[in-house]
Structures are given as C-alpha cells and as structure tokens.
Amino acid sequence: VKMSQYFSVYSELLKKFRNKKCKLVEIGVLDGG
C-alpha cells in the first residue's frame, strides 16, 4: 500500500539511484510488495 501522491515524491528523490549501486532499507515489509 502506498498513497498515490507518494509516487511523484519517491520518483523525484530516488531517480538518481536508478541502475546504480545503492543500498535501500525499508522498515515495514508486510507482504513484500
């Protein structure tokens, strides 16, 4: 579950990490989506 408004914010913040070596940690795995 993600609020639809999050996608533009996430995209803006994280696009510089695409296809690069990086380490992302997410708290709250739930069903793994």
PDB file of all heavy atoms in Angstrom:
ATOM      1  N   VAL A   1       0.843  -1.185   0.000  1.00  0.00           N
ATOM      2  CA  VAL A   1       0.000   0.000   0.000  1.00  0.00           C
ATOM      3  C   VAL A   1       0.884   1.243   0.000  1.00  0.00           C
ATOM      4  O   VAL A   1       1.762   1.384   0.846  1.00  0.00           O
ATOM      5  CB  VAL A   1      -0.916   0.028   1.253  1.00  0.00           C
ATOM      6  CG1 VAL A   1      -1.728   1.315   1.289  1.00  0.00           C
ATOM      7  CG2 VAL A   1      -1.812  -1.183   1.273  1.00  0.00           C
ATOM      8  N   LYS A   2       0.657   2.114  -0.955  1.00  0.00           N
ATOM      9  CA  LYS A   2       1.313   3.412  -0.998  1.00  0.00           C
ATOM     10  C   LYS A   2       0.269   4.429  -1.432  1.00  0.00           C
ATOM     11  O   LYS A   2      -0.535   4.168  -2.331  1.00  0.00           O
ATOM     12  CB  LYS A   2       2.464   3.445  -2.011  1.00  0.00           C
ATOM     13  CG  LYS A   2       3.644   2.583  -1.651  1.00  0.00           C
ATOM     14  CD  LYS A   2       4.451   3.166  -0.532  1.00  0.00           C
ATOM     15  CE  LYS A   2       5.643   2.267  -0.242  1.00  0.00           C
ATOM     16  NZ  LYS A   2       6.007   2.249   1.151  1.00  0.00           N
ATOM     17  N   MET A   3       0.276   5.584  -0.817  1.00  0.00           N
ATOM     18  CA  MET A   3      -0.615   6.658  -1.240  1.00  0.00           C
ATOM     19  C   MET A   3      -0.179   7.114  -2.629  1.00  0.00           C
ATOM     20  O   MET A   3       1.013   7.186  -2.921  1.00  0.00           O
ATOM     21  CB  MET A   3      -0.559   7.817  -0.244  1.00  0.00           C
ATOM     22  CG  MET A   3      -1.063   7.438   1.137  1.00  0.00           C
ATOM     23  SD  MET A   3      -0.915   8.818   2.270  1.00  0.00           S
ATOM     24  CE  MET A   3      -2.625   9.271   2.399  1.00  0.00           C
ATOM     25  N   SER A   4      -1.117   7.412  -3.481  1.00  0.00           N
ATOM     26  CA  SER A   4      -0.795   7.763  -4.867  1.00  0.00           C
ATOM     27  C   SER A   4       0.112   8.992  -4.956  1.00  0.00           C
ATOM     28  O   SER A   4       0.924   9.106  -5.865  1.00  0.00           O
ATOM     29  CB  SER A   4      -2.068   7.966  -5.672  1.00  0.00           C
ATOM     30  OG  SER A   4      -2.845   9.015  -5.121  1.00  0.00           O
ATOM     31  N   GLN A   5       0.000   9.899  -4.003  1.00  0.00           N
ATOM     32  CA  GLN A   5       0.830  11.097  -4.007  1.00  0.00           C
ATOM     33  C   GLN A   5       2.311  10.776  -3.793  1.00  0.00           C
ATOM     34  O   GLN A   5       3.176  11.586  -4.124  1.00  0.00           O
ATOM     35  CB  GLN A   5       0.387  12.076  -2.911  1.00  0.00           C
ATOM     36  CG  GLN A   5      -1.029  12.538  -3.021  1.00  0.00           C
ATOM     37  CD  GLN A   5      -1.994  11.650  -2.254  1.00  0.00           C
ATOM     38  OE1 GLN A   5      -1.819  10.434  -2.174  1.00  0.00           O
ATOM     39  NE2 GLN A   5      -3.034  12.243  -1.711  1.00  0.00           N
ATOM     40  N   TYR A   6       2.606   9.619  -3.233  1.00  0.00           N
ATOM     41  CA  TYR A   6       3.992   9.268  -2.931  1.00  0.00           C
ATOM     42  C   TYR A   6       4.817   9.029  -4.192  1.00  0.00           C
ATOM     43  O   TYR A   6       6.030   9.213  -4.186  1.00  0.00           O
ATOM     44  CB  TYR A   6       4.055   8.016  -2.062  1.00  0.00           C
ATOM     45  CG  TYR A   6       3.617   8.195  -0.624  1.00  0.00           C
ATOM     46  CD1 TYR A   6       3.101   9.388  -0.143  1.00  0.00           C
ATOM     47  CD2 TYR A   6       3.720   7.140   0.270  1.00  0.00           C
ATOM     48  CE1 TYR A   6       2.698   9.528   1.166  1.00  0.00           C
ATOM     49  CE2 TYR A   6       3.327   7.270   1.583  1.00  0.00           C
ATOM     50  CZ  TYR A   6       2.819   8.470   2.033  1.00  0.00           C
ATOM     51  OH  TYR A   6       2.442   8.593   3.342  1.00  0.00           O
ATOM     52  N   PHE A   7       4.199   8.589  -5.271  1.00  0.00           N
ATOM     53  CA  PHE A   7       4.967   8.186  -6.445  1.00  0.00           C
ATOM     54  C   PHE A   7       5.766   9.336  -7.050  1.00  0.00           C
ATOM     55  O   PHE A   7       6.918   9.154  -7.432  1.00  0.00           O
ATOM     56  CB  PHE A   7       4.072   7.509  -7.481  1.00  0.00           C
ATOM     57  CG  PHE A   7       3.554   6.188  -6.988  1.00  0.00           C
ATOM     58  CD1 PHE A   7       2.254   6.060  -6.551  1.00  0.00           C
ATOM     59  CD2 PHE A   7       4.390   5.090  -6.924  1.00  0.00           C
ATOM     60  CE1 PHE A   7       1.779   4.850  -6.063  1.00  0.00           C
ATOM     61  CE2 PHE A   7       3.931   3.873  -6.444  1.00  0.00           C
ATOM     62  CZ  PHE A   7       2.619   3.757  -6.011  1.00  0.00           C
ATOM     63  N   SER A   8       5.186  10.513  -7.122  1.00  0.00           N
ATOM     64  CA  SER A   8       5.941  11.637  -7.681  1.00  0.00           C
ATOM     65  C   SER A   8       7.078  12.045  -6.743  1.00  0.00           C
ATOM     66  O   SER A   8       8.174  12.378  -7.199  1.00  0.00           O
ATOM     67  CB  SER A   8       5.027  12.821  -7.989  1.00  0.00           C
ATOM     68  OG  SER A   8       4.408  13.290  -6.821  1.00  0.00           O
ATOM     69  N   VAL A   9       6.832  11.993  -5.439  1.00  0.00           N
ATOM     70  CA  VAL A   9       7.868  12.352  -4.474  1.00  0.00           C
ATOM     71  C   VAL A   9       8.999  11.319  -4.501  1.00  0.00           C
ATOM     72  O   VAL A   9      10.182  11.672  -4.586  1.00  0.00           O
ATOM     73  CB  VAL A   9       7.274  12.467  -3.047  1.00  0.00           C
ATOM     74  CG1 VAL A   9       8.367  12.694  -2.019  1.00  0.00           C
ATOM     75  CG2 VAL A   9       6.234  13.574  -3.002  1.00  0.00           C
ATOM     76  N   TYR A  10       8.635  10.047  -4.431  1.00  0.00           N
ATOM     77  CA  TYR A  10       9.646   8.998  -4.491  1.00  0.00           C
ATOM     78  C   TYR A  10      10.448   9.075  -5.781  1.00  0.00           C
ATOM     79  O   TYR A  10      11.667   8.922  -5.779  1.00  0.00           O
ATOM     80  CB  TYR A  10       9.002   7.618  -4.383  1.00  0.00           C
ATOM     81  CG  TYR A  10       8.792   7.159  -2.968  1.00  0.00           C
ATOM     82  CD1 TYR A  10       7.534   6.789  -2.520  1.00  0.00           C
ATOM     83  CD2 TYR A  10       9.849   7.069  -2.086  1.00  0.00           C
ATOM     84  CE1 TYR A  10       7.338   6.358  -1.222  1.00  0.00           C
ATOM     85  CE2 TYR A  10       9.663   6.637  -0.784  1.00  0.00           C
ATOM     86  CZ  TYR A  10       8.404   6.281  -0.355  1.00  0.00           C
ATOM     87  OH  TYR A  10       8.221   5.853   0.916  1.00  0.00           O
ATOM     88  N   SER A  11       9.771   9.274  -6.880  1.00  0.00           N
ATOM     89  CA  SER A  11      10.449   9.363  -8.172  1.00  0.00           C
ATOM     90  C   SER A  11      11.479  10.489  -8.162  1.00  0.00           C
ATOM     91  O   SER A  11      12.625  10.300  -8.586  1.00  0.00           O
ATOM     92  CB  SER A  11       9.414   9.581  -9.274  1.00  0.00           C
ATOM     93  OG  SER A  11      10.025   9.912 -10.472  1.00  0.00           O
ATOM     94  N   GLU A  12      11.081  11.639  -7.679  1.00  0.00           N
ATOM     95  CA  GLU A  12      11.982  12.794  -7.645  1.00  0.00           C
ATOM     96  C   GLU A  12      13.194  12.531  -6.744  1.00  0.00           C
ATOM     97  O   GLU A  12      14.327  12.855  -7.102  1.00  0.00           O
ATOM     98  CB  GLU A  12      11.229  14.040  -7.173  1.00  0.00           C
ATOM     99  CG  GLU A  12      12.051  15.303  -7.183  1.00  0.00           C
ATOM    100  CD  GLU A  12      12.518  15.710  -8.582  1.00  0.00           C
ATOM    101  OE1 GLU A  12      11.816  15.422  -9.564  1.00  0.00           O
ATOM    102  OE2 GLU A  12      13.612  16.306  -8.688  1.00  0.00           O
ATOM    103  N   LEU A  13      12.958  11.944  -5.590  1.00  0.00           N
ATOM    104  CA  LEU A  13      14.047  11.715  -4.634  1.00  0.00           C
ATOM    105  C   LEU A  13      14.979  10.576  -5.031  1.00  0.00           C
ATOM    106  O   LEU A  13      16.182  10.625  -4.743  1.00  0.00           O
ATOM    107  CB  LEU A  13      13.467  11.418  -3.250  1.00  0.00           C
ATOM    108  CG  LEU A  13      12.774  12.571  -2.536  1.00  0.00           C
ATOM    109  CD1 LEU A  13      12.098  12.075  -1.263  1.00  0.00           C
ATOM    110  CD2 LEU A  13      13.752  13.690  -2.235  1.00  0.00           C
ATOM    111  N   LEU A  14      14.443   9.556  -5.671  1.00  0.00           N
ATOM    112  CA  LEU A  14      15.220   8.325  -5.859  1.00  0.00           C
ATOM    113  C   LEU A  14      15.688   8.063  -7.279  1.00  0.00           C
ATOM    114  O   LEU A  14      16.469   7.134  -7.501  1.00  0.00           O
ATOM    115  CB  LEU A  14      14.410   7.132  -5.347  1.00  0.00           C
ATOM    116  CG  LEU A  14      13.958   7.224  -3.886  1.00  0.00           C
ATOM    117  CD1 LEU A  14      13.238   5.956  -3.480  1.00  0.00           C
ATOM    118  CD2 LEU A  14      15.123   7.511  -2.964  1.00  0.00           C
ATOM    119  N   LYS A  15      15.267   8.862  -8.237  1.00  0.00           N
ATOM    120  CA  LYS A  15      15.644   8.568  -9.624  1.00  0.00           C
ATOM    121  C   LYS A  15      17.163   8.589  -9.831  1.00  0.00           C
ATOM    122  O   LYS A  15      17.677   7.875 -10.679  1.00  0.00           O
ATOM    123  CB  LYS A  15      14.934   9.492 -10.601  1.00  0.00           C
ATOM    124  CG  LYS A  15      15.269  10.945 -10.482  1.00  0.00           C
ATOM    125  CD  LYS A  15      14.413  11.769 -11.429  1.00  0.00           C
ATOM    126  CE  LYS A  15      14.620  13.245 -11.188  1.00  0.00           C
ATOM    127  NZ  LYS A  15      13.655  14.025 -11.965  1.00  0.00           N
ATOM    128  N   LYS A  16      17.894   9.346  -9.044  1.00  0.00           N
ATOM    129  CA  LYS A  16      19.351   9.401  -9.204  1.00  0.00           C
ATOM    130  C   LYS A  16      20.027   8.087  -8.802  1.00  0.00           C
ATOM    131  O   LYS A  16      21.190   7.864  -9.138  1.00  0.00           O
ATOM    132  CB  LYS A  16      19.936  10.564  -8.402  1.00  0.00           C
ATOM    133  CG  LYS A  16      19.835  10.411  -6.894  1.00  0.00           C
ATOM    134  CD  LYS A  16      20.377  11.626  -6.191  1.00  0.00           C
ATOM    135  CE  LYS A  16      20.217  11.529  -4.703  1.00  0.00           C
ATOM    136  NZ  LYS A  16      20.614  12.763  -4.035  1.00  0.00           N
ATOM    137  N   PHE A  17      19.312   7.210  -8.105  1.00  0.00           N
ATOM    138  CA  PHE A  17      19.871   5.926  -7.685  1.00  0.00           C
ATOM    139  C   PHE A  17      19.592   4.805  -8.687  1.00  0.00           C
ATOM    140  O   PHE A  17      20.118   3.706  -8.538  1.00  0.00           O
ATOM    141  CB  PHE A  17      19.301   5.513  -6.322  1.00  0.00           C
ATOM    142  CG  PHE A  17      19.718   6.420  -5.202  1.00  0.00           C
ATOM    143  CD1 PHE A  17      18.855   7.400  -4.728  1.00  0.00           C
ATOM    144  CD2 PHE A  17      20.969   6.312  -4.618  1.00  0.00           C
ATOM    145  CE1 PHE A  17      19.227   8.232  -3.694  1.00  0.00           C
ATOM    146  CE2 PHE A  17      21.364   7.139  -3.584  1.00  0.00           C
ATOM    147  CZ  PHE A  17      20.486   8.109  -3.122  1.00  0.00           C
ATOM    148  N   ARG A  18      18.776   5.064  -9.681  1.00  0.00           N
ATOM    149  CA  ARG A  18      18.387   4.015 -10.625  1.00  0.00           C
ATOM    150  C   ARG A  18      19.597   3.489 -11.386  1.00  0.00           C
ATOM    151  O   ARG A  18      20.434   4.239 -11.857  1.00  0.00           O
ATOM    152  CB  ARG A  18      17.340   4.533 -11.607  1.00  0.00           C
ATOM    153  CG  ARG A  18      16.026   4.856 -10.901  1.00  0.00           C
ATOM    154  CD  ARG A  18      14.935   5.157 -11.851  1.00  0.00           C
ATOM    155  NE  ARG A  18      14.437   3.897 -12.407  1.00  0.00           N
ATOM    156  CZ  ARG A  18      13.553   3.833 -13.386  1.00  0.00           C
ATOM    157  NH1 ARG A  18      13.079   4.928 -13.931  1.00  0.00           N
ATOM    158  NH2 ARG A  18      13.144   2.669 -13.827  1.00  0.00           N
ATOM    159  N   ASN A  19      19.656   2.158 -11.455  1.00  0.00           N
ATOM    160  CA  ASN A  19      20.711   1.444 -12.181  1.00  0.00           C
ATOM    161  C   ASN A  19      22.106   1.776 -11.668  1.00  0.00           C
ATOM    162  O   ASN A  19      23.079   1.702 -12.409  1.00  0.00           O
ATOM    163  CB  ASN A  19      20.602   1.699 -13.687  1.00  0.00           C
ATOM    164  CG  ASN A  19      19.249   1.244 -14.204  1.00  0.00           C
ATOM    165  OD1 ASN A  19      18.831   0.119 -13.955  1.00  0.00           O
ATOM    166  ND2 ASN A  19      18.549   2.137 -14.880  1.00  0.00           N
ATOM    167  N   LYS A  20      22.193   2.138 -10.383  1.00  0.00           N
ATOM    168  CA  LYS A  20      23.476   2.400  -9.726  1.00  0.00           C
ATOM    169  C   LYS A  20      23.556   1.534  -8.473  1.00  0.00           C
ATOM    170  O   LYS A  20      22.537   1.146  -7.909  1.00  0.00           O
ATOM    171  CB  LYS A  20      23.598   3.869  -9.348  1.00  0.00           C
ATOM    172  CG  LYS A  20      23.644   4.766 -10.557  1.00  0.00           C
ATOM    173  CD  LYS A  20      23.847   6.192 -10.163  1.00  0.00           C
ATOM    174  CE  LYS A  20      23.944   7.013 -11.444  1.00  0.00           C
ATOM    175  NZ  LYS A  20      23.537   8.359 -11.279  1.00  0.00           N
ATOM    176  N   LYS A  21      24.766   1.282  -8.042  1.00  0.00           N
ATOM    177  CA  LYS A  21      24.945   0.542  -6.807  1.00  0.00           C
ATOM    178  C   LYS A  21      24.478   1.427  -5.649  1.00  0.00           C
ATOM    179  O   LYS A  21      24.955   2.554  -5.487  1.00  0.00           O
ATOM    180  CB  LYS A  21      26.413   0.158  -6.628  1.00  0.00           C
ATOM    181  CG  LYS A  21      26.655  -0.744  -5.471  1.00  0.00           C
ATOM    182  CD  LYS A  21      28.093  -1.179  -5.405  1.00  0.00           C
ATOM    183  CE  LYS A  21      28.244  -2.056  -4.168  1.00  0.00           C
ATOM    184  NZ  LYS A  21      29.593  -2.551  -4.039  1.00  0.00           N
ATOM    185  N   CYS A  22      23.508   0.918  -4.898  1.00  0.00           N
ATOM    186  CA  CYS A  22      22.996   1.655  -3.751  1.00  0.00           C
ATOM    187  C   CYS A  22      22.383   0.656  -2.773  1.00  0.00           C
ATOM    188  O   CYS A  22      22.156  -0.503  -3.120  1.00  0.00           O
ATOM    189  CB  CYS A  22      21.965   2.702  -4.163  1.00  0.00           C
ATOM    190  SG  CYS A  22      20.443   2.036  -4.844  1.00  0.00           S
ATOM    191  N   LYS A  23      22.141   1.133  -1.567  1.00  0.00           N
ATOM    192  CA  LYS A  23      21.563   0.286  -0.531  1.00  0.00           C
ATOM    193  C   LYS A  23      20.323   0.969   0.015  1.00  0.00           C
ATOM    194  O   LYS A  23      20.392   2.053   0.591  1.00  0.00           O
ATOM    195  CB  LYS A  23      22.587   0.073   0.575  1.00  0.00           C
ATOM    196  CG  LYS A  23      22.311  -1.092   1.481  1.00  0.00           C
ATOM    197  CD  LYS A  23      23.427  -1.288   2.502  1.00  0.00           C
ATOM    198  CE  LYS A  23      24.716  -1.689   1.838  1.00  0.00           C
ATOM    199  NZ  LYS A  23      25.787  -1.980   2.815  1.00  0.00           N
ATOM    200  N   LEU A  24      19.167   0.326  -0.186  1.00  0.00           N
ATOM    201  CA  LEU A  24      17.886   0.834   0.297  1.00  0.00           C
ATOM    202  C   LEU A  24      17.391  -0.062   1.423  1.00  0.00           C
ATOM    203  O   LEU A  24      17.391  -1.283   1.292  1.00  0.00           O
ATOM    204  CB  LEU A  24      16.853   0.854  -0.834  1.00  0.00           C
ATOM    205  CG  LEU A  24      15.450   1.331  -0.443  1.00  0.00           C
ATOM    206  CD1 LEU A  24      14.842   2.146  -1.573  1.00  0.00           C
ATOM    207  CD2 LEU A  24      14.524   0.183  -0.079  1.00  0.00           C
ATOM    208  N   VAL A  25      16.980   0.558   2.516  1.00  0.00           N
ATOM    209  CA  VAL A  25      16.404  -0.154   3.654  1.00  0.00           C
ATOM    210  C   VAL A  25      14.982   0.336   3.832  1.00  0.00           C
ATOM    211  O   VAL A  25      14.738   1.543   3.899  1.00  0.00           O
ATOM    212  CB  VAL A  25      17.203   0.110   4.946  1.00  0.00           C
ATOM    213  CG1 VAL A  25      16.536  -0.556   6.145  1.00  0.00           C
ATOM    214  CG2 VAL A  25      18.642  -0.351   4.792  1.00  0.00           C
ATOM    215  N   GLU A  26      14.041  -0.613   3.888  1.00  0.00           N
ATOM    216  CA  GLU A  26      12.655  -0.240   4.157  1.00  0.00           C
ATOM    217  C   GLU A  26      12.168  -0.952   5.398  1.00  0.00           C
ATOM    218  O   GLU A  26      12.263  -2.172   5.512  1.00  0.00           O
ATOM    219  CB  GLU A  26      11.720  -0.548   2.989  1.00  0.00           C
ATOM    220  CG  GLU A  26      10.313  -0.046   3.302  1.00  0.00           C
ATOM    221  CD  GLU A  26       9.406   0.058   2.099  1.00  0.00           C
ATOM    222  OE1 GLU A  26       9.553  -0.735   1.157  1.00  0.00           O
ATOM    223  OE2 GLU A  26       8.536   0.947   2.125  1.00  0.00           O
ATOM    224  N   ILE A  27      11.653  -0.163   6.320  1.00  0.00           N
ATOM    225  CA  ILE A  27      11.046  -0.684   7.543  1.00  0.00           C
ATOM    226  C   ILE A  27       9.572  -0.904   7.239  1.00  0.00           C
ATOM    227  O   ILE A  27       8.896   0.009   6.762  1.00  0.00           O
ATOM    228  CB  ILE A  27      11.201   0.328   8.697  1.00  0.00           C
ATOM    229  CG1 ILE A  27      12.670   0.683   8.889  1.00  0.00           C
ATOM    230  CG2 ILE A  27      10.578  -0.221   9.973  1.00  0.00           C
ATOM    231  CD1 ILE A  27      12.880   1.985   9.621  1.00  0.00           C
ATOM    232  N   GLY A  28       9.093  -2.097   7.503  1.00  0.00           N
ATOM    233  CA  GLY A  28       7.705  -2.435   7.229  1.00  0.00           C
ATOM    234  C   GLY A  28       7.586  -3.245   5.952  1.00  0.00           C
ATOM    235  O   GLY A  28       7.282  -2.705   4.889  1.00  0.00           O
ATOM    236  N   VAL A  29       7.850  -4.527   6.026  1.00  0.00           N
ATOM    237  CA  VAL A  29       7.868  -5.395   4.849  1.00  0.00           C
ATOM    238  C   VAL A  29       6.464  -5.839   4.452  1.00  0.00           C
ATOM    239  O   VAL A  29       6.152  -5.934   3.273  1.00  0.00           O
ATOM    240  CB  VAL A  29       8.779  -6.621   5.107  1.00  0.00           C
ATOM    241  CG1 VAL A  29       8.640  -7.655   4.024  1.00  0.00           C
ATOM    242  CG2 VAL A  29      10.228  -6.166   5.269  1.00  0.00           C
ATOM    243  N   LEU A  30       5.616  -6.118   5.430  1.00  0.00           N
ATOM    244  CA  LEU A  30       4.259  -6.604   5.213  1.00  0.00           C
ATOM    245  C   LEU A  30       4.283  -7.821   4.294  1.00  0.00           C
ATOM    246  O   LEU A  30       4.884  -8.829   4.633  1.00  0.00           O
ATOM    247  CB  LEU A  30       3.342  -5.493   4.685  1.00  0.00           C
ATOM    248  CG  LEU A  30       1.839  -5.769   4.676  1.00  0.00           C
ATOM    249  CD1 LEU A  30       1.320  -6.043   6.088  1.00  0.00           C
ATOM    250  CD2 LEU A  30       1.079  -4.633   4.047  1.00  0.00           C
ATOM    251  N   ASP A  31       3.685  -7.737   3.118  1.00  0.00           N
ATOM    252  CA  ASP A  31       3.627  -8.867   2.194  1.00  0.00           C
ATOM    253  C   ASP A  31       4.683  -8.811   1.099  1.00  0.00           C
ATOM    254  O   ASP A  31       4.602  -9.539   0.116  1.00  0.00           O
ATOM    255  CB  ASP A  31       2.231  -8.971   1.576  1.00  0.00           C
ATOM    256  CG  ASP A  31       1.197  -9.424   2.598  1.00  0.00           C
ATOM    257  OD1 ASP A  31       1.537 -10.252   3.460  1.00  0.00           O
ATOM    258  OD2 ASP A  31       0.065  -8.937   2.542  1.00  0.00           O
ATOM    259  N   GLY A  32       5.649  -7.926   1.218  1.00  0.00           N
ATOM    260  CA  GLY A  32       6.800  -7.922   0.327  1.00  0.00           C
ATOM    261  C   GLY A  32       6.676  -7.131  -0.957  1.00  0.00           C
ATOM    262  O   GLY A  32       7.639  -7.036  -1.714  1.00  0.00           O
ATOM    263  N   GLY A  33       5.522  -6.569  -1.231  1.00  0.00           N
ATOM    264  CA  GLY A  33       5.340  -5.859  -2.489  1.00  0.00           C
ATOM    265  C   GLY A  33       6.351  -4.757  -2.721  1.00  0.00           C
ATOM    266  O   GLY A  33       6.866  -4.585  -3.831  1.00  0.00           O
TER     267      GLY A  33
END
